[in-house]
Structure formats: structure tokens, C-alpha cells
Amino acid sequence: MTSLSELSILIVDTNGEAAFELRQSFIAAGAKAHVVESLAFAERLLDAKSIDAVVLPYSHSPQTVAFCRMLAARNVPSVFTSEPPARYPTRQQMSRAIIAVKGLIAEHDVQTYQSIN
């Protein structure tokens, strides 16, 4: 499994359905994982903790757009996710999320990338 040791990942899960398994996958990969139920709580956590990446549901809502702009201003990479279709295993989606976070961190900071490889 991909190692995310020493990274802190924030998961925004507004419906509370996917966060537990996704959080467990990040923890198994060595990351610290935080789960919040709203963008408002996510912003508060970003103010209080050092977060390396954010996983959130894809949306065109004004709140999500504003949140993503705030992430960009803070140089915090984001991974967009949505509920997997029933025909796809959830584990496959979680693996892709972990790989996507690792890739975003790599693009964001070569030193961080080297430290997790």
C-alpha cells in the first residue's frame, strides 16, 4: 500500500456515508485523518491544524467553489470524490483517493514527495 506517513488529511463528508472507510484507509497508509461534516467545520480545522490535503465531494455549489479558492490560496491540494457507482468496489475508490493525494502532494512540494517515498 502507498505510504502517507507524517501527512495530515482532512476528509469532508457531508452525508456521513463514506468517511469511516476512507479514514481507515488513510490511517492504514500512515496518514493522520480528520473527518468533518461541513465546509465550515473544515475551514475551522484548517485554521487550527496543519493539513496537507483535503478530500471533499465534487460540487459546483458557491460554498464549495469558495472553499476551494481558499484552499488554493493556502496552497493546500484537494482531491474531489463522489459516491462510487454500485458496480465499483469501494476499496478501489479509496486506493485511487490515496494515490491521488500522494500525487497532489508531489506536485505541491517535491520535498514532501521525497519524504514519503
Protein backbone atom coordinates (compact mmCIF):
# COMPACT_ATOMS: atom_id res chain seq x y z
CA MET A 1 0.00 0.00 0.00
CA THR A 2 1.12 3.55 -0.68
CA SER A 3 2.69 5.22 2.37
CA LEU A 4 1.44 8.61 3.50
CA SER A 5 3.45 8.67 6.70
CA GLU A 6 3.54 12.02 8.51
CA LEU A 7 0.79 13.56 6.35
CA SER A 8 -2.44 15.00 7.71
CA ILE A 9 -5.53 14.52 5.54
CA LEU A 10 -8.87 16.27 6.04
CA ILE A 11 -11.96 14.44 4.77
CA VAL A 12 -15.18 16.41 4.25
CA ASP A 13 -18.16 14.05 4.24
CA THR A 14 -21.48 15.87 4.27
CA ASN A 15 -23.67 12.76 4.25
CA GLY A 16 -21.58 10.64 6.62
CA GLU A 17 -21.60 7.56 4.42
CA ALA A 18 -18.07 7.18 3.04
CA ALA A 19 -15.88 8.85 5.65
CA PHE A 20 -15.27 5.95 8.02
CA GLU A 21 -13.81 3.55 5.45
CA LEU A 22 -11.89 6.31 3.70
CA ARG A 23 -10.46 7.50 7.03
CA GLN A 24 -9.42 3.94 7.92
CA SER A 25 -7.67 3.60 4.55
CA PHE A 26 -5.68 6.78 5.10
CA ILE A 27 -4.74 5.68 8.60
CA ALA A 28 -3.65 2.28 7.26
CA ALA A 29 -1.44 4.14 4.77
CA GLY A 30 0.21 6.00 7.66
CA ALA A 31 -1.58 9.36 7.49
CA LYS A 32 -3.42 11.23 10.19
CA ALA A 33 -7.00 11.61 9.03
CA HIS A 34 -9.62 14.06 10.24
CA VAL A 35 -13.31 13.88 9.27
CA VAL A 36 -15.74 16.79 9.31
CA GLU A 37 -19.32 17.05 8.10
CA SER A 38 -19.29 20.52 6.58
CA LEU A 39 -17.09 23.01 4.79
CA ALA A 40 -17.49 25.40 7.73
CA PHE A 41 -16.03 22.81 10.13
CA ALA A 42 -13.31 22.04 7.56
CA GLU A 43 -12.28 25.69 7.45
CA ARG A 44 -12.11 25.84 11.25
CA LEU A 45 -9.90 22.76 11.31
CA LEU A 46 -7.66 24.25 8.62
CA ASP A 47 -7.24 27.31 10.87
CA ALA A 48 -6.32 25.13 13.85
CA LYS A 49 -4.16 22.36 12.35
CA SER A 50 -1.57 21.78 9.68
CA ILE A 51 -3.37 19.92 6.88
CA ASP A 52 -1.51 18.51 3.87
CA ALA A 53 -4.51 17.69 1.63
CA VAL A 54 -8.31 17.79 1.65
CA VAL A 55 -10.67 15.14 0.24
CA LEU A 56 -14.14 16.50 -0.47
CA PRO A 57 -17.21 15.72 -2.58
CA TYR A 58 -17.29 17.31 -6.02
CA SER A 59 -19.80 20.15 -6.29
CA HIS A 60 -20.41 23.32 -8.27
CA SER A 61 -22.05 24.99 -5.27
CA PRO A 62 -20.89 28.52 -4.42
CA GLN A 63 -19.79 27.31 -0.97
CA THR A 64 -17.59 24.58 -2.46
CA VAL A 65 -16.11 26.96 -5.04
CA ALA A 66 -15.27 29.49 -2.31
CA PHE A 67 -13.80 26.75 -0.12
CA CYS A 68 -11.60 25.50 -2.98
CA ARG A 69 -10.40 29.03 -3.68
CA MET A 70 -9.46 29.35 -0.02
CA LEU A 71 -7.56 26.02 -0.25
CA ALA A 72 -5.70 27.26 -3.32
CA ALA A 73 -4.77 30.49 -1.52
CA ARG A 74 -3.35 28.39 1.33
CA ASN A 75 -1.55 26.03 -1.08
CA VAL A 76 -3.47 23.02 0.24
CA PRO A 77 -4.16 20.47 -2.51
CA SER A 78 -7.61 18.91 -2.81
CA VAL A 79 -8.99 15.63 -4.13
CA PHE A 80 -12.57 15.53 -5.32
CA THR A 81 -14.60 12.42 -4.76
CA SER A 82 -18.16 11.28 -5.11
CA GLU A 83 -20.08 8.18 -4.16
CA PRO A 84 -18.91 5.23 -6.23
CA PRO A 85 -21.46 3.64 -8.55
CA ALA A 86 -22.80 0.37 -7.14
CA ARG A 87 -20.87 -1.70 -9.68
CA TYR A 88 -17.48 -0.43 -8.44
CA PRO A 89 -15.96 -1.68 -5.19
CA THR A 90 -15.47 1.00 -2.54
CA ARG A 91 -11.93 -0.26 -1.85
CA GLN A 92 -10.92 0.64 -5.43
CA GLN A 93 -12.16 4.21 -4.95
CA MET A 94 -10.23 4.52 -1.67
CA SER A 95 -6.99 3.30 -3.29
CA ARG A 96 -7.40 5.89 -6.01
CA ALA A 97 -8.01 8.63 -3.42
CA ILE A 98 -4.81 7.70 -1.58
CA ILE A 99 -2.82 7.67 -4.82
CA ALA A 100 -4.38 10.99 -5.86
CA VAL A 101 -3.44 12.60 -2.54
CA LYS A 102 0.13 11.35 -2.90
CA GLY A 103 0.27 12.77 -6.44
CA LEU A 104 -1.09 16.15 -5.40
CA ILE A 105 1.38 16.40 -2.55
CA ALA A 106 4.15 15.54 -5.02
CA GLU A 107 3.10 18.34 -7.36
CA HIS A 108 2.71 20.73 -4.45
CA ASP A 109 6.03 20.10 -2.75
CA VAL A 110 8.87 17.99 -4.13
CA GLN A 111 10.49 17.80 -0.68
CA THR A 112 7.29 16.33 0.83
CA TYR A 113 7.09 13.86 -2.05
CA GLN A 114 10.66 12.73 -1.45
CA SER A 115 10.00 12.33 2.26
CA ILE A 116 7.06 9.94 1.61
CA ASN A 117 8.95 7.79 -0.90
